[in-house]
Amino acid sequence: AIFSAQSVSADSYVTLDIYLRTTCPFPIRFNSLSVLFNNPNYNSLCVVNGANNSDVSEEGDLYLEPKKIKKITFTFTPLPEDVGKHIEVFINSAFYSKYFIYVGCFLSVLNCSP
């Protein structure tokens, strides 16, 4: 996970890019991907729900082919309560069972631009 900048003003948009890649020799499909933040008010803004059954075509955001990178982008505005604080990211994905992946990624929210 990568924020588009290390810091952002409170009146700007935050862009978060999630990069996914599998090292399995065969394609896999995740059922869901959710980005969890240290401030849970952002959690519902960064969710992707994939297919729940294997009959769905081999397309969509959560279908991963071997050695190919899939990029998913989320955009949102910071909350006023986070001015002067860091927004931290955690990744939660489901592939037949739940996996929780910690990603050391944070963003500083600054006062509004003049």
C-alpha atoms as a PDB file:
ATOM      1  CA  ALA A   1       0.000   0.000   0.000  1.00  0.00           C
ATOM      2  CA  ILE A   2       1.295   3.424  -0.915  1.00  0.00           C
ATOM      3  CA  PHE A   3      -0.159   6.858  -0.233  1.00  0.00           C
ATOM      4  CA  SER A   4       0.321   9.332  -3.092  1.00  0.00           C
ATOM      5  CA  ALA A   5       2.190  11.644  -0.691  1.00  0.00           C
ATOM      6  CA  GLN A   6       3.747  11.472   2.778  1.00  0.00           C
ATOM      7  CA  SER A   7       1.516  14.285   3.956  1.00  0.00           C
ATOM      8  CA  VAL A   8      -1.647  15.979   2.758  1.00  0.00           C
ATOM      9  CA  SER A   9      -3.569  19.103   3.752  1.00  0.00           C
ATOM     10  CA  ALA A  10      -6.945  18.583   5.384  1.00  0.00           C
ATOM     11  CA  ASP A  11      -8.766  20.103   2.401  1.00  0.00           C
ATOM     12  CA  SER A  12      -7.143  17.791  -0.184  1.00  0.00           C
ATOM     13  CA  TYR A  13      -7.914  14.304  -1.403  1.00  0.00           C
ATOM     14  CA  VAL A  14      -5.936  11.324  -0.160  1.00  0.00           C
ATOM     15  CA  THR A  15      -5.027   8.707  -2.768  1.00  0.00           C
ATOM     16  CA  LEU A  16      -4.104   5.226  -1.595  1.00  0.00           C
ATOM     17  CA  ASP A  17      -2.806   2.642  -4.059  1.00  0.00           C
ATOM     18  CA  ILE A  18      -2.905  -1.041  -3.131  1.00  0.00           C
ATOM     19  CA  TYR A  19      -0.688  -3.374  -5.165  1.00  0.00           C
ATOM     20  CA  LEU A  20      -1.482  -7.092  -5.187  1.00  0.00           C
ATOM     21  CA  ARG A  21       0.574  -9.923  -6.638  1.00  0.00           C
ATOM     22  CA  THR A  22       0.549 -13.677  -6.191  1.00  0.00           C
ATOM     23  CA  THR A  23       3.560 -15.950  -6.371  1.00  0.00           C
ATOM     24  CA  CYS A  24       1.356 -19.030  -6.728  1.00  0.00           C
ATOM     25  CA  PRO A  25       1.833 -20.941  -9.993  1.00  0.00           C
ATOM     26  CA  PHE A  26      -1.910 -20.671 -10.650  1.00  0.00           C
ATOM     27  CA  PRO A  27      -4.449 -17.789 -10.548  1.00  0.00           C
ATOM     28  CA  ILE A  28      -6.329 -17.071  -7.332  1.00  0.00           C
ATOM     29  CA  ARG A  29      -9.446 -15.057  -6.556  1.00  0.00           C
ATOM     30  CA  PHE A  30     -10.030 -13.173  -3.327  1.00  0.00           C
ATOM     31  CA  ASN A  31     -13.577 -12.788  -2.040  1.00  0.00           C
ATOM     32  CA  SER A  32     -12.992  -9.374  -0.531  1.00  0.00           C
ATOM     33  CA  LEU A  33     -10.392  -6.778   0.236  1.00  0.00           C
ATOM     34  CA  SER A  34     -10.778  -4.185   2.944  1.00  0.00           C
ATOM     35  CA  VAL A  35      -8.345  -1.550   4.054  1.00  0.00           C
ATOM     36  CA  LEU A  36      -8.438  -0.960   7.786  1.00  0.00           C
ATOM     37  CA  PHE A  37      -7.207   2.275   9.312  1.00  0.00           C
ATOM     38  CA  ASN A  38      -6.165   3.369  12.781  1.00  0.00           C
ATOM     39  CA  ASN A  39      -9.266   5.617  12.569  1.00  0.00           C
ATOM     40  CA  PRO A  40     -12.145   3.186  11.796  1.00  0.00           C
ATOM     41  CA  ASN A  41     -14.231   5.982  10.223  1.00  0.00           C
ATOM     42  CA  TYR A  42     -12.258   5.424   6.984  1.00  0.00           C
ATOM     43  CA  ASN A  43     -12.755   1.631   6.849  1.00  0.00           C
ATOM     44  CA  SER A  44     -15.994   1.664   4.837  1.00  0.00           C
ATOM     45  CA  LEU A  45     -14.417   3.926   2.181  1.00  0.00           C
ATOM     46  CA  CYS A  46     -11.833   1.371   1.030  1.00  0.00           C
ATOM     47  CA  VAL A  47     -13.563  -1.953   0.366  1.00  0.00           C
ATOM     48  CA  VAL A  48     -13.708  -4.157  -2.739  1.00  0.00           C
ATOM     49  CA  ASN A  49     -16.056  -7.123  -2.881  1.00  0.00           C
ATOM     50  CA  GLY A  50     -15.151  -9.774  -5.411  1.00  0.00           C
ATOM     51  CA  ALA A  51     -16.902 -12.858  -6.695  1.00  0.00           C
ATOM     52  CA  ASN A  52     -18.237 -15.413  -4.239  1.00  0.00           C
ATOM     53  CA  ASN A  53     -18.278 -18.303  -6.664  1.00  0.00           C
ATOM     54  CA  SER A  54     -15.799 -19.811  -9.075  1.00  0.00           C
ATOM     55  CA  ASP A  55     -18.181 -19.687 -12.069  1.00  0.00           C
ATOM     56  CA  VAL A  56     -17.577 -15.959 -12.468  1.00  0.00           C
ATOM     57  CA  SER A  57     -15.310 -14.908 -15.328  1.00  0.00           C
ATOM     58  CA  GLU A  58     -11.600 -14.446 -14.808  1.00  0.00           C
ATOM     59  CA  GLU A  59     -11.945 -10.691 -14.580  1.00  0.00           C
ATOM     60  CA  GLY A  60     -12.473  -8.248 -11.782  1.00  0.00           C
ATOM     61  CA  ASP A  61     -10.352  -6.485  -9.226  1.00  0.00           C
ATOM     62  CA  LEU A  62      -9.709  -9.500  -7.017  1.00  0.00           C
ATOM     63  CA  TYR A  63      -8.666 -12.060  -9.619  1.00  0.00           C
ATOM     64  CA  LEU A  64      -4.879 -12.396  -9.495  1.00  0.00           C
ATOM     65  CA  GLU A  65      -2.790 -14.041 -12.164  1.00  0.00           C
ATOM     66  CA  PRO A  66       0.690 -15.412 -11.398  1.00  0.00           C
ATOM     67  CA  LYS A  67       3.439 -12.774 -11.322  1.00  0.00           C
ATOM     68  CA  LYS A  68       1.118  -9.990 -12.562  1.00  0.00           C
ATOM     69  CA  ILE A  69       0.619  -6.909 -10.406  1.00  0.00           C
ATOM     70  CA  LYS A  70      -2.927  -5.659  -9.828  1.00  0.00           C
ATOM     71  CA  LYS A  71      -3.363  -2.037  -8.689  1.00  0.00           C
ATOM     72  CA  ILE A  72      -6.446  -0.873  -6.799  1.00  0.00           C
ATOM     73  CA  THR A  73      -6.804   2.849  -6.051  1.00  0.00           C
ATOM     74  CA  PHE A  74      -8.915   4.470  -3.337  1.00  0.00           C
ATOM     75  CA  THR A  75      -9.526   8.215  -2.953  1.00  0.00           C
ATOM     76  CA  PHE A  76     -11.055   9.972   0.056  1.00  0.00           C
ATOM     77  CA  THR A  77     -10.785  13.195   2.069  1.00  0.00           C
ATOM     78  CA  PRO A  78      -9.197  13.268   5.522  1.00  0.00           C
ATOM     79  CA  LEU A  79     -11.436  13.874   8.513  1.00  0.00           C
ATOM     80  CA  PRO A  80     -10.995  17.086  10.555  1.00  0.00           C
ATOM     81  CA  GLU A  81     -10.203  15.022  13.666  1.00  0.00           C
ATOM     82  CA  ASP A  82      -7.059  13.690  11.960  1.00  0.00           C
ATOM     83  CA  VAL A  83      -5.375  17.068  11.408  1.00  0.00           C
ATOM     84  CA  GLY A  84      -1.904  16.857  12.934  1.00  0.00           C
ATOM     85  CA  LYS A  85      -2.081  13.066  13.184  1.00  0.00           C
ATOM     86  CA  HIS A  86      -1.039  10.048  11.129  1.00  0.00           C
ATOM     87  CA  ILE A  87      -3.454   7.841   9.206  1.00  0.00           C
ATOM     88  CA  GLU A  88      -2.176   4.257   9.383  1.00  0.00           C
ATOM     89  CA  VAL A  89      -3.177   1.394   7.086  1.00  0.00           C
ATOM     90  CA  PHE A  90      -3.803  -2.313   7.588  1.00  0.00           C
ATOM     91  CA  ILE A  91      -4.994  -4.696   4.835  1.00  0.00           C
ATOM     92  CA  ASN A  92      -7.571  -7.436   5.354  1.00  0.00           C
ATOM     93  CA  SER A  93      -8.234  -9.894   2.532  1.00  0.00           C
ATOM     94  CA  ALA A  94     -10.286 -13.065   2.283  1.00  0.00           C
ATOM     95  CA  PHE A  95      -9.263 -16.068   0.211  1.00  0.00           C
ATOM     96  CA  TYR A  96     -11.265 -19.058   1.378  1.00  0.00           C
ATOM     97  CA  SER A  97     -10.386 -17.985   4.907  1.00  0.00           C
ATOM     98  CA  LYS A  98      -9.358 -14.658   6.370  1.00  0.00           C
ATOM     99  CA  TYR A  99      -5.824 -13.334   6.168  1.00  0.00           C
ATOM    100  CA  PHE A 100      -4.711 -10.194   7.907  1.00  0.00           C
ATOM    101  CA  ILE A 101      -1.716  -8.413   6.471  1.00  0.00           C
ATOM    102  CA  TYR A 102      -0.043  -5.502   8.232  1.00  0.00           C
ATOM    103  CA  VAL A 103       1.303  -2.871   5.911  1.00  0.00           C
ATOM    104  CA  GLY A 104       3.593  -0.268   7.434  1.00  0.00           C
ATOM    105  CA  CYS A 105       2.067   2.708   5.694  1.00  0.00           C
ATOM    106  CA  PHE A 106       1.042   6.039   7.171  1.00  0.00           C
ATOM    107  CA  LEU A 107       0.105   9.541   6.060  1.00  0.00           C
ATOM    108  CA  SER A 108       0.411  12.831   7.962  1.00  0.00           C
ATOM    109  CA  VAL A 109      -2.606  15.147   7.779  1.00  0.00           C
ATOM    110  CA  LEU A 110      -1.692  18.848   7.902  1.00  0.00           C
ATOM    111  CA  ASN A 111      -3.809  21.963   8.395  1.00  0.00           C
ATOM    112  CA  CYS A 112      -5.720  23.270   5.370  1.00  0.00           C
ATOM    113  CA  SER A 113      -3.739  24.986   2.632  1.00  0.00           C
ATOM    114  CA  PRO A 114      -3.863  28.792   2.760  1.00  0.00           C
END
